Amino acid sequence: MTKLGMYLAQKSVNKSEVARKTGLSRARMNELTLSERSHLRAEELYLIALAIDVPPADLLEYICGNLTLTTHLTIAAEDAAPFKKQEKKKKLIPKRR
């Protein structure tokens, strides 16, 4: 079961009723609530939140609240040489005789 499925189960929400209100098919609702491989689109999340009368941000927080940013530290080089613009090498064209 997906996080969306758990959320709807906790709220005792009828998925068929949500499908009817949102215009999503019952098959799509089952996919979104049962299959971890399904990908919930922002539009779907928004419509589902409206259908069950919860703020979309609350539903988003429940479903995606565990996500974090990955941070990459960039250390500046002490020598500025690696950042100097390199001159282009001129190509030598052989002369025709």
PDB file of N, CA and C in Angstrom:
ATOM      1  N   MET A   1       0.848  -1.180   0.000  1.00  0.00           N
ATOM      2  CA  MET A   1       0.000   0.000   0.000  1.00  0.00           C
ATOM      3  C   MET A   1       0.893   1.242   0.000  1.00  0.00           C
ATOM      4  N   THR A   2       0.482   2.260  -0.728  1.00  0.00           N
ATOM      5  CA  THR A   2       1.251   3.496  -0.820  1.00  0.00           C
ATOM      6  C   THR A   2       0.913   4.421   0.349  1.00  0.00           C
ATOM      7  N   LYS A   3       1.658   5.495   0.479  1.00  0.00           N
ATOM      8  CA  LYS A   3       1.357   6.477   1.519  1.00  0.00           C
ATOM      9  C   LYS A   3      -0.012   7.102   1.290  1.00  0.00           C
ATOM     10  N   LEU A   4      -0.347   7.328   0.020  1.00  0.00           N
ATOM     11  CA  LEU A   4      -1.679   7.857  -0.275  1.00  0.00           C
ATOM     12  C   LEU A   4      -2.741   6.862   0.176  1.00  0.00           C
ATOM     13  N   GLY A   5      -2.517   5.585  -0.094  1.00  0.00           N
ATOM     14  CA  GLY A   5      -3.457   4.554   0.326  1.00  0.00           C
ATOM     15  C   GLY A   5      -3.622   4.513   1.838  1.00  0.00           C
ATOM     16  N   MET A   6      -2.510   4.626   2.563  1.00  0.00           N
ATOM     17  CA  MET A   6      -2.574   4.637   4.027  1.00  0.00           C
ATOM     18  C   MET A   6      -3.326   5.861   4.539  1.00  0.00           C
ATOM     19  N   TYR A   7      -3.066   7.009   3.907  1.00  0.00           N
ATOM     20  CA  TYR A   7      -3.736   8.248   4.308  1.00  0.00           C
ATOM     21  C   TYR A   7      -5.243   8.125   4.128  1.00  0.00           C
ATOM     22  N   LEU A   8      -5.649   7.633   2.962  1.00  0.00           N
ATOM     23  CA  LEU A   8      -7.076   7.496   2.691  1.00  0.00           C
ATOM     24  C   LEU A   8      -7.713   6.456   3.606  1.00  0.00           C
ATOM     25  N   ALA A   9      -6.997   5.386   3.924  1.00  0.00           N
ATOM     26  CA  ALA A   9      -7.526   4.358   4.825  1.00  0.00           C
ATOM     27  C   ALA A   9      -7.707   4.913   6.240  1.00  0.00           C
ATOM     28  N   GLN A  10      -6.734   5.717   6.701  1.00  0.00           N
ATOM     29  CA  GLN A  10      -6.830   6.321   8.036  1.00  0.00           C
ATOM     30  C   GLN A  10      -8.031   7.249   8.137  1.00  0.00           C
ATOM     31  N   LYS A  11      -8.336   7.910   7.039  1.00  0.00           N
ATOM     32  CA  LYS A  11      -9.457   8.858   7.007  1.00  0.00           C
ATOM     33  C   LYS A  11     -10.779   8.168   6.651  1.00  0.00           C
ATOM     34  N   SER A  12     -10.742   6.851   6.417  1.00  0.00           N
ATOM     35  CA  SER A  12     -11.920   6.076   6.006  1.00  0.00           C
ATOM     36  C   SER A  12     -12.591   6.670   4.774  1.00  0.00           C
ATOM     37  N   VAL A  13     -11.760   6.976   3.776  1.00  0.00           N
ATOM     38  CA  VAL A  13     -12.238   7.590   2.543  1.00  0.00           C
ATOM     39  C   VAL A  13     -12.624   6.506   1.540  1.00  0.00           C
ATOM     40  N   ASN A  14     -13.742   6.695   0.871  1.00  0.00           N
ATOM     41  CA  ASN A  14     -14.205   5.787  -0.169  1.00  0.00           C
ATOM     42  C   ASN A  14     -13.505   6.167  -1.474  1.00  0.00           C
ATOM     43  N   LYS A  15     -12.640   5.282  -1.974  1.00  0.00           N
ATOM     44  CA  LYS A  15     -11.864   5.580  -3.179  1.00  0.00           C
ATOM     45  C   LYS A  15     -12.754   5.762  -4.405  1.00  0.00           C
ATOM     46  N   SER A  16     -13.848   5.033  -4.483  1.00  0.00           N
ATOM     47  CA  SER A  16     -14.759   5.186  -5.621  1.00  0.00           C
ATOM     48  C   SER A  16     -15.380   6.575  -5.635  1.00  0.00           C
ATOM     49  N   GLU A  17     -15.712   7.072  -4.456  1.00  0.00           N
ATOM     50  CA  GLU A  17     -16.282   8.422  -4.346  1.00  0.00           C
ATOM     51  C   GLU A  17     -15.242   9.475  -4.754  1.00  0.00           C
ATOM     52  N   VAL A  18     -13.991   9.275  -4.333  1.00  0.00           N
ATOM     53  CA  VAL A  18     -12.911  10.196  -4.709  1.00  0.00           C
ATOM     54  C   VAL A  18     -12.711  10.157  -6.222  1.00  0.00           C
ATOM     55  N   ALA A  19     -12.729   8.969  -6.799  1.00  0.00           N
ATOM     56  CA  ALA A  19     -12.571   8.834  -8.248  1.00  0.00           C
ATOM     57  C   ALA A  19     -13.685   9.598  -8.973  1.00  0.00           C
ATOM     58  N   ARG A  20     -14.904   9.456  -8.490  1.00  0.00           N
ATOM     59  CA  ARG A  20     -16.035  10.148  -9.123  1.00  0.00           C
ATOM     60  C   ARG A  20     -15.874  11.668  -9.027  1.00  0.00           C
ATOM     61  N   LYS A  21     -15.493  12.164  -7.855  1.00  0.00           N
ATOM     62  CA  LYS A  21     -15.358  13.612  -7.648  1.00  0.00           C
ATOM     63  C   LYS A  21     -14.204  14.208  -8.449  1.00  0.00           C
ATOM     64  N   THR A  22     -13.120  13.462  -8.587  1.00  0.00           N
ATOM     65  CA  THR A  22     -11.921  13.998  -9.234  1.00  0.00           C
ATOM     66  C   THR A  22     -11.884  13.777 -10.736  1.00  0.00           C
ATOM     67  N   GLY A  23     -12.652  12.801 -11.202  1.00  0.00           N
ATOM     68  CA  GLY A  23     -12.595  12.451 -12.616  1.00  0.00           C
ATOM     69  C   GLY A  23     -11.528  11.414 -12.921  1.00  0.00           C
ATOM     70  N   LEU A  24     -10.839  10.943 -11.889  1.00  0.00           N
ATOM     71  CA  LEU A  24      -9.866   9.867 -12.075  1.00  0.00           C
ATOM     72  C   LEU A  24     -10.619   8.544 -12.161  1.00  0.00           C
ATOM     73  N   SER A  25     -10.074   7.612 -12.892  1.00  0.00           N
ATOM     74  CA  SER A  25     -10.733   6.307 -12.988  1.00  0.00           C
ATOM     75  C   SER A  25     -10.513   5.533 -11.685  1.00  0.00           C
ATOM     76  N   ARG A  26     -11.393   4.579 -11.428  1.00  0.00           N
ATOM     77  CA  ARG A  26     -11.213   3.735 -10.240  1.00  0.00           C
ATOM     78  C   ARG A  26      -9.922   2.935 -10.365  1.00  0.00           C
ATOM     79  N   ALA A  27      -9.586   2.527 -11.586  1.00  0.00           N
ATOM     80  CA  ALA A  27      -8.339   1.793 -11.804  1.00  0.00           C
ATOM     81  C   ALA A  27      -7.131   2.654 -11.429  1.00  0.00           C
ATOM     82  N   ARG A  28      -7.167   3.936 -11.800  1.00  0.00           N
ATOM     83  CA  ARG A  28      -6.054   4.844 -11.459  1.00  0.00           C
ATOM     84  C   ARG A  28      -5.981   5.047  -9.946  1.00  0.00           C
ATOM     85  N   MET A  29      -7.128   5.188  -9.298  1.00  0.00           N
ATOM     86  CA  MET A  29      -7.140   5.335  -7.840  1.00  0.00           C
ATOM     87  C   MET A  29      -6.544   4.096  -7.178  1.00  0.00           C
ATOM     88  N   ASN A  30      -6.902   2.906  -7.668  1.00  0.00           N
ATOM     89  CA  ASN A  30      -6.340   1.679  -7.114  1.00  0.00           C
ATOM     90  C   ASN A  30      -4.831   1.636  -7.326  1.00  0.00           C
ATOM     91  N   GLU A  31      -4.384   2.044  -8.504  1.00  0.00           N
ATOM     92  CA  GLU A  31      -2.956   2.067  -8.788  1.00  0.00           C
ATOM     93  C   GLU A  31      -2.231   3.013  -7.830  1.00  0.00           C
ATOM     94  N   LEU A  32      -2.786   4.204  -7.624  1.00  0.00           N
ATOM     95  CA  LEU A  32      -2.151   5.209  -6.768  1.00  0.00           C
ATOM     96  C   LEU A  32      -2.135   4.803  -5.299  1.00  0.00           C
ATOM     97  N   THR A  33      -3.094   3.999  -4.882  1.00  0.00           N
ATOM     98  CA  THR A  33      -3.179   3.635  -3.473  1.00  0.00           C
ATOM     99  C   THR A  33      -2.543   2.286  -3.160  1.00  0.00           C
ATOM    100  N   LEU A  34      -2.356   1.449  -4.174  1.00  0.00           N
ATOM    101  CA  LEU A  34      -1.846   0.101  -3.921  1.00  0.00           C
ATOM    102  C   LEU A  34      -0.446  -0.161  -4.459  1.00  0.00           C
ATOM    103  N   SER A  35      -0.081   0.467  -5.563  1.00  0.00           N
ATOM    104  CA  SER A  35       1.186   0.168  -6.224  1.00  0.00           C
ATOM    105  C   SER A  35       2.268   1.192  -5.891  1.00  0.00           C
ATOM    106  N   GLU A  36       3.339   0.714  -5.266  1.00  0.00           N
ATOM    107  CA  GLU A  36       4.468   1.597  -4.935  1.00  0.00           C
ATOM    108  C   GLU A  36       5.158   2.130  -6.190  1.00  0.00           C
ATOM    109  N   ARG A  37       4.956   1.463  -7.299  1.00  0.00           N
ATOM    110  CA  ARG A  37       5.587   1.878  -8.549  1.00  0.00           C
ATOM    111  C   ARG A  37       4.830   3.002  -9.243  1.00  0.00           C
ATOM    112  N   SER A  38       3.642   3.318  -8.772  1.00  0.00           N
ATOM    113  CA  SER A  38       2.862   4.389  -9.407  1.00  0.00           C
ATOM    114  C   SER A  38       3.446   5.742  -9.007  1.00  0.00           C
ATOM    115  N   HIS A  39       3.261   6.701  -9.860  1.00  0.00           N
ATOM    116  CA  HIS A  39       3.750   8.055  -9.605  1.00  0.00           C
ATOM    117  C   HIS A  39       2.567   9.003  -9.557  1.00  0.00           C
ATOM    118  N   LEU A  40       2.363   9.595  -8.403  1.00  0.00           N
ATOM    119  CA  LEU A  40       1.271  10.532  -8.187  1.00  0.00           C
ATOM    120  C   LEU A  40       1.653  11.880  -8.782  1.00  0.00           C
ATOM    121  N   ARG A  41       0.844  12.360  -9.719  1.00  0.00           N
ATOM    122  CA  ARG A  41       1.100  13.667 -10.327  1.00  0.00           C
ATOM    123  C   ARG A  41       0.540  14.764  -9.429  1.00  0.00           C
ATOM    124  N   ALA A  42       1.103  15.954  -9.527  1.00  0.00           N
ATOM    125  CA  ALA A  42       0.683  17.086  -8.706  1.00  0.00           C
ATOM    126  C   ALA A  42      -0.803  17.382  -8.902  1.00  0.00           C
ATOM    127  N   GLU A  43      -1.267  17.299 -10.144  1.00  0.00           N
ATOM    128  CA  GLU A  43      -2.677  17.583 -10.427  1.00  0.00           C
ATOM    129  C   GLU A  43      -3.585  16.582  -9.728  1.00  0.00           C
ATOM    130  N   GLU A  44      -3.156  15.327  -9.708  1.00  0.00           N
ATOM    131  CA  GLU A  44      -3.942  14.281  -9.053  1.00  0.00           C
ATOM    132  C   GLU A  44      -3.982  14.510  -7.544  1.00  0.00           C
ATOM    133  N   LEU A  45      -2.842  14.818  -6.951  1.00  0.00           N
ATOM    134  CA  LEU A  45      -2.779  15.086  -5.524  1.00  0.00           C
ATOM    135  C   LEU A  45      -3.701  16.240  -5.170  1.00  0.00           C
ATOM    136  N   TYR A  46      -3.664  17.297  -5.961  1.00  0.00           N
ATOM    137  CA  TYR A  46      -4.480  18.477  -5.697  1.00  0.00           C
ATOM    138  C   TYR A  46      -5.969  18.134  -5.757  1.00  0.00           C
ATOM    139  N   LEU A  47      -6.372  17.406  -6.791  1.00  0.00           N
ATOM    140  CA  LEU A  47      -7.782  17.035  -6.933  1.00  0.00           C
ATOM    141  C   LEU A  47      -8.239  16.106  -5.811  1.00  0.00           C
ATOM    142  N   ILE A  48      -7.391  15.169  -5.428  1.00  0.00           N
ATOM    143  CA  ILE A  48      -7.740  14.244  -4.345  1.00  0.00           C
ATOM    144  C   ILE A  48      -7.909  15.010  -3.040  1.00  0.00           C
ATOM    145  N   ALA A  49      -6.994  15.942  -2.769  1.00  0.00           N
ATOM    146  CA  ALA A  49      -7.095  16.748  -1.551  1.00  0.00           C
ATOM    147  C   ALA A  49      -8.400  17.537  -1.529  1.00  0.00           C
ATOM    148  N   LEU A  50      -8.768  18.137  -2.648  1.00  0.00           N
ATOM    149  CA  LEU A  50     -10.031  18.881  -2.705  1.00  0.00           C
ATOM    150  C   LEU A  50     -11.221  17.951  -2.489  1.00  0.00           C
ATOM    151  N   ALA A  51     -11.159  16.757  -3.070  1.00  0.00           N
ATOM    152  CA  ALA A  51     -12.269  15.806  -2.963  1.00  0.00           C
ATOM    153  C   ALA A  51     -12.483  15.314  -1.533  1.00  0.00           C
ATOM    154  N   ILE A  52     -11.401  15.204  -0.754  1.00  0.00           N
ATOM    155  CA  ILE A  52     -11.533  14.718   0.618  1.00  0.00           C
ATOM    156  C   ILE A  52     -11.524  15.859   1.629  1.00  0.00           C
ATOM    157  N   ASP A  53     -11.548  17.079   1.117  1.00  0.00           N
ATOM    158  CA  ASP A  53     -11.662  18.288   1.932  1.00  0.00           C
ATOM    159  C   ASP A  53     -10.507  18.463   2.926  1.00  0.00           C
ATOM    160  N   VAL A  54      -9.286  18.301   2.423  1.00  0.00           N
ATOM    161  CA  VAL A  54      -8.095  18.594   3.224  1.00  0.00           C
ATOM    162  C   VAL A  54      -7.229  19.567   2.431  1.00  0.00           C
ATOM    163  N   PRO A  55      -6.449  20.393   3.104  1.00  0.00           N
ATOM    164  CA  PRO A  55      -5.556  21.294   2.381  1.00  0.00           C
ATOM    165  C   PRO A  55      -4.538  20.481   1.570  1.00  0.00           C
ATOM    166  N   PRO A  56      -4.360  20.815   0.289  1.00  0.00           N
ATOM    167  CA  PRO A  56      -3.391  20.082  -0.537  1.00  0.00           C
ATOM    168  C   PRO A  56      -1.999  20.026   0.081  1.00  0.00           C
ATOM    169  N   ALA A  57      -1.596  21.077   0.767  1.00  0.00           N
ATOM    170  CA  ALA A  57      -0.264  21.103   1.393  1.00  0.00           C
ATOM    171  C   ALA A  57      -0.154  20.040   2.489  1.00  0.00           C
ATOM    172  N   ASP A  58      -1.236  19.787   3.203  1.00  0.00           N
ATOM    173  CA  ASP A  58      -1.214  18.763   4.256  1.00  0.00           C
ATOM    174  C   ASP A  58      -1.026  17.371   3.652  1.00  0.00           C
ATOM    175  N   LEU A  59      -1.739  17.105   2.567  1.00  0.00           N
ATOM    176  CA  LEU A  59      -1.614  15.815   1.900  1.00  0.00           C
ATOM    177  C   LEU A  59      -0.208  15.658   1.313  1.00  0.00           C
ATOM    178  N   LEU A  60       0.309  16.717   0.712  1.00  0.00           N
ATOM    179  CA  LEU A  60       1.668  16.689   0.162  1.00  0.00           C
ATOM    180  C   LEU A  60       2.691  16.433   1.265  1.00  0.00           C
ATOM    181  N   GLU A  61       2.533  17.091   2.384  1.00  0.00           N
ATOM    182  CA  GLU A  61       3.446  16.908   3.516  1.00  0.00           C
ATOM    183  C   GLU A  61       3.409  15.464   4.016  1.00  0.00           C
ATOM    184  N   TYR A  62       2.231  14.879   4.088  1.00  0.00           N
ATOM    185  CA  TYR A  62       2.107  13.496   4.541  1.00  0.00           C
ATOM    186  C   TYR A  62       2.812  12.541   3.577  1.00  0.00           C
ATOM    187  N   ILE A  63       2.605  12.762   2.289  1.00  0.00           N
ATOM    188  CA  ILE A  63       3.152  11.845   1.292  1.00  0.00           C
ATOM    189  C   ILE A  63       4.647  12.060   1.060  1.00  0.00           C
ATOM    190  N   CYS A  64       5.083  13.314   1.055  1.00  0.00           N
ATOM    191  CA  CYS A  64       6.476  13.609   0.683  1.00  0.00           C
ATOM    192  C   CYS A  64       7.313  14.181   1.826  1.00  0.00           C
ATOM    193  N   GLY A  65       6.783  14.184   3.030  1.00  0.00           N
ATOM    194  CA  GLY A  65       7.469  14.809   4.162  1.00  0.00           C
ATOM    195  C   GLY A  65       8.787  14.177   4.534  1.00  0.00           C
ATOM    196  N   ASN A  66       9.036  12.964   4.082  1.00  0.00           N
ATOM    197  CA  ASN A  66      10.295  12.294   4.433  1.00  0.00           C
ATOM    198  C   ASN A  66      11.444  12.647   3.493  1.00  0.00           C
ATOM    199  N   LEU A  67      11.171  13.373   2.428  1.00  0.00           N
ATOM    200  CA  LEU A  67      12.211  13.715   1.463  1.00  0.00           C
ATOM    201  C   LEU A  67      13.122  14.802   2.009  1.00  0.00           C
ATOM    202  N   THR A  68      14.402  14.706   1.693  1.00  0.00           N
ATOM    203  CA  THR A  68      15.365  15.724   2.107  1.00  0.00           C
ATOM    204  C   THR A  68      16.248  16.090   0.923  1.00  0.00           C
ATOM    205  N   LEU A  69      16.829  17.243   1.011  1.00  0.00           N
ATOM    206  CA  LEU A  69      17.758  17.695  -0.020  1.00  0.00           C
ATOM    207  C   LEU A  69      19.116  17.051   0.211  1.00  0.00           C
ATOM    208  N   THR A  70      19.799  16.779  -0.870  1.00  0.00           N
ATOM    209  CA  THR A  70      21.172  16.332  -0.738  1.00  0.00           C
ATOM    210  C   THR A  70      22.039  17.565  -0.895  1.00  0.00           C
ATOM    211  N   THR A  71      23.023  17.696  -0.040  1.00  0.00           N
ATOM    212  CA  THR A  71      23.881  18.883  -0.100  1.00  0.00           C
ATOM    213  C   THR A  71      25.259  18.489  -0.578  1.00  0.00           C
ATOM    214  N   HIS A  72      25.794  19.299  -1.422  1.00  0.00           N
ATOM    215  CA  HIS A  72      27.144  19.098  -1.939  1.00  0.00           C
ATOM    216  C   HIS A  72      27.936  20.361  -1.620  1.00  0.00           C
ATOM    217  N   LEU A  73      29.017  20.189  -0.893  1.00  0.00           N
ATOM    218  CA  LEU A  73      29.863  21.336  -0.574  1.00  0.00           C
ATOM    219  C   LEU A  73      30.891  21.510  -1.677  1.00  0.00           C
ATOM    220  N   THR A  74      31.019  22.728  -2.150  1.00  0.00           N
ATOM    221  CA  THR A  74      32.018  23.032  -3.153  1.00  0.00           C
ATOM    222  C   THR A  74      33.131  23.807  -2.467  1.00  0.00           C
ATOM    223  N   ILE A  75      34.334  23.290  -2.578  1.00  0.00           N
ATOM    224  CA  ILE A  75      35.478  23.946  -1.958  1.00  0.00           C
ATOM    225  C   ILE A  75      36.213  24.717  -3.043  1.00  0.00           C
ATOM    226  N   ALA A  76      36.385  25.997  -2.805  1.00  0.00           N
ATOM    227  CA  ALA A  76      37.070  26.838  -3.777  1.00  0.00           C
ATOM    228  C   ALA A  76      38.555  26.481  -3.806  1.00  0.00           C
ATOM    229  N   ALA A  77      39.103  26.483  -4.991  1.00  0.00           N
ATOM    230  CA  ALA A  77      40.531  26.177  -5.142  1.00  0.00           C
ATOM    231  C   ALA A  77      41.352  27.352  -4.637  1.00  0.00           C
ATOM    232  N   GLU A  78      42.466  27.044  -3.989  1.00  0.00           N
ATOM    233  CA  GLU A  78      43.344  28.107  -3.514  1.00  0.00           C
ATOM    234  C   GLU A  78      44.016  28.794  -4.676  1.00  0.00           C
ATOM    235  N   ASP A  79      44.304  28.041  -5.719  1.00  0.00           N
ATOM    236  CA  ASP A  79      44.965  28.582  -6.887  1.00  0.00           C
ATOM    237  C   ASP A  79      43.888  28.905  -7.921  1.00  0.00           C
ATOM    238  N   ALA A  80      43.843  30.134  -8.341  1.00  0.00           N
ATOM    239  CA  ALA A  80      42.819  30.533  -9.304  1.00  0.00           C
ATOM    240  C   ALA A  80      43.124  30.030 -10.710  1.00  0.00           C
ATOM    241  N   ALA A  81      44.292  29.473 -10.909  1.00  0.00           N
ATOM    242  CA  ALA A  81      44.699  29.023 -12.236  1.00  0.00           C
ATOM    243  C   ALA A  81      43.705  28.066 -12.897  1.00  0.00           C
ATOM    244  N   PRO A  82      43.129  27.129 -12.169  1.00  0.00           N
ATOM    245  CA  PRO A  82      42.206  26.214 -12.847  1.00  0.00           C
ATOM    246  C   PRO A  82      40.992  26.928 -13.451  1.00  0.00           C
ATOM    247  N   PHE A  83      40.734  28.142 -12.978  1.00  0.00           N
ATOM    248  CA  PHE A  83      39.563  28.857 -13.457  1.00  0.00           C
ATOM    249  C   PHE A  83      39.881  29.906 -14.507  1.00  0.00           C
ATOM    250  N   LYS A  84      41.164  30.044 -14.855  1.00  0.00           N
ATOM    251  CA  LYS A  84      41.527  31.022 -15.876  1.00  0.00           C
ATOM    252  C   LYS A  84      41.053  30.535 -17.227  1.00  0.00           C
ATOM    253  N   LYS A  85      40.659  31.474 -18.021  1.00  0.00           N
ATOM    254  CA  LYS A  85      40.212  31.126 -19.362  1.00  0.00           C
ATOM    255  C   LYS A  85      41.424  30.678 -20.172  1.00  0.00           C
ATOM    256  N   GLN A  86      41.294  29.520 -20.762  1.00  0.00           N
ATOM    257  CA  GLN A  86      42.396  28.998 -21.550  1.00  0.00           C
ATOM    258  C   GLN A  86      42.280  29.503 -22.978  1.00  0.00           C
ATOM    259  N   GLU A  87      43.429  29.822 -23.537  1.00  0.00           N
ATOM    260  CA  GLU A  87      43.430  30.283 -24.921  1.00  0.00           C
ATOM    261  C   GLU A  87      43.233  29.093 -25.842  1.00  0.00           C
ATOM    262  N   LYS A  88      42.514  29.339 -26.902  1.00  0.00           N
ATOM    263  CA  LYS A  88      42.308  28.277 -27.882  1.00  0.00           C
ATOM    264  C   LYS A  88      43.576  28.108 -28.700  1.00  0.00           C
ATOM    265  N   LYS A  89      43.911  26.870 -28.959  1.00  0.00           N
ATOM    266  CA  LYS A  89      45.081  26.589 -29.783  1.00  0.00           C
ATOM    267  C   LYS A  89      44.694  26.786 -31.241  1.00  0.00           C
ATOM    268  N   LYS A  90      45.588  27.420 -31.955  1.00  0.00           N
ATOM    269  CA  LYS A  90      45.331  27.651 -33.373  1.00  0.00           C
ATOM    270  C   LYS A  90      45.674  26.389 -34.143  1.00  0.00           C
ATOM    271  N   LYS A  91      44.803  26.044 -35.056  1.00  0.00           N
ATOM    272  CA  LYS A  91      45.073  24.886 -35.899  1.00  0.00           C
ATOM    273  C   LYS A  91      45.974  25.310 -37.041  1.00  0.00           C
ATOM    274  N   LEU A  92      46.961  24.514 -37.287  1.00  0.00           N
ATOM    275  CA  LEU A  92      47.864  24.783 -38.405  1.00  0.00           C
ATOM    276  C   LEU A  92      47.294  24.141 -39.649  1.00  0.00           C
ATOM    277  N   ILE A  93      47.157  24.942 -40.661  1.00  0.00           N
ATOM    278  CA  ILE A  93      46.637  24.442 -41.946  1.00  0.00           C
ATOM    279  C   ILE A  93      47.828  24.292 -42.873  1.00  0.00           C
ATOM    280  N   PRO A  94      48.030  23.092 -43.407  1.00  0.00           N
ATOM    281  CA  PRO A  94      49.174  22.897 -44.298  1.00  0.00           C
ATOM    282  C   PRO A  94      48.988  23.713 -45.587  1.00  0.00           C
ATOM    283  N   LYS A  95      50.114  24.260 -46.033  1.00  0.00           N
ATOM    284  CA  LYS A  95      50.067  25.069 -47.250  1.00  0.00           C
ATOM    285  C   LYS A  95      50.039  24.121 -48.449  1.00  0.00           C
ATOM    286  N   ARG A  96      49.281  24.522 -49.438  1.00  0.00           N
ATOM    287  CA  ARG A  96      49.229  23.756 -50.674  1.00  0.00           C
ATOM    288  C   ARG A  96      50.329  24.233 -51.592  1.00  0.00           C
ATOM    289  N   ARG A  97      50.933  23.318 -52.272  1.00  0.00           N
ATOM    290  CA  ARG A  97      52.004  23.699 -53.203  1.00  0.00           C
ATOM    291  C   ARG A  97      51.517  23.753 -54.603  1.00  0.00           C
TER     292      ARG A  97
END
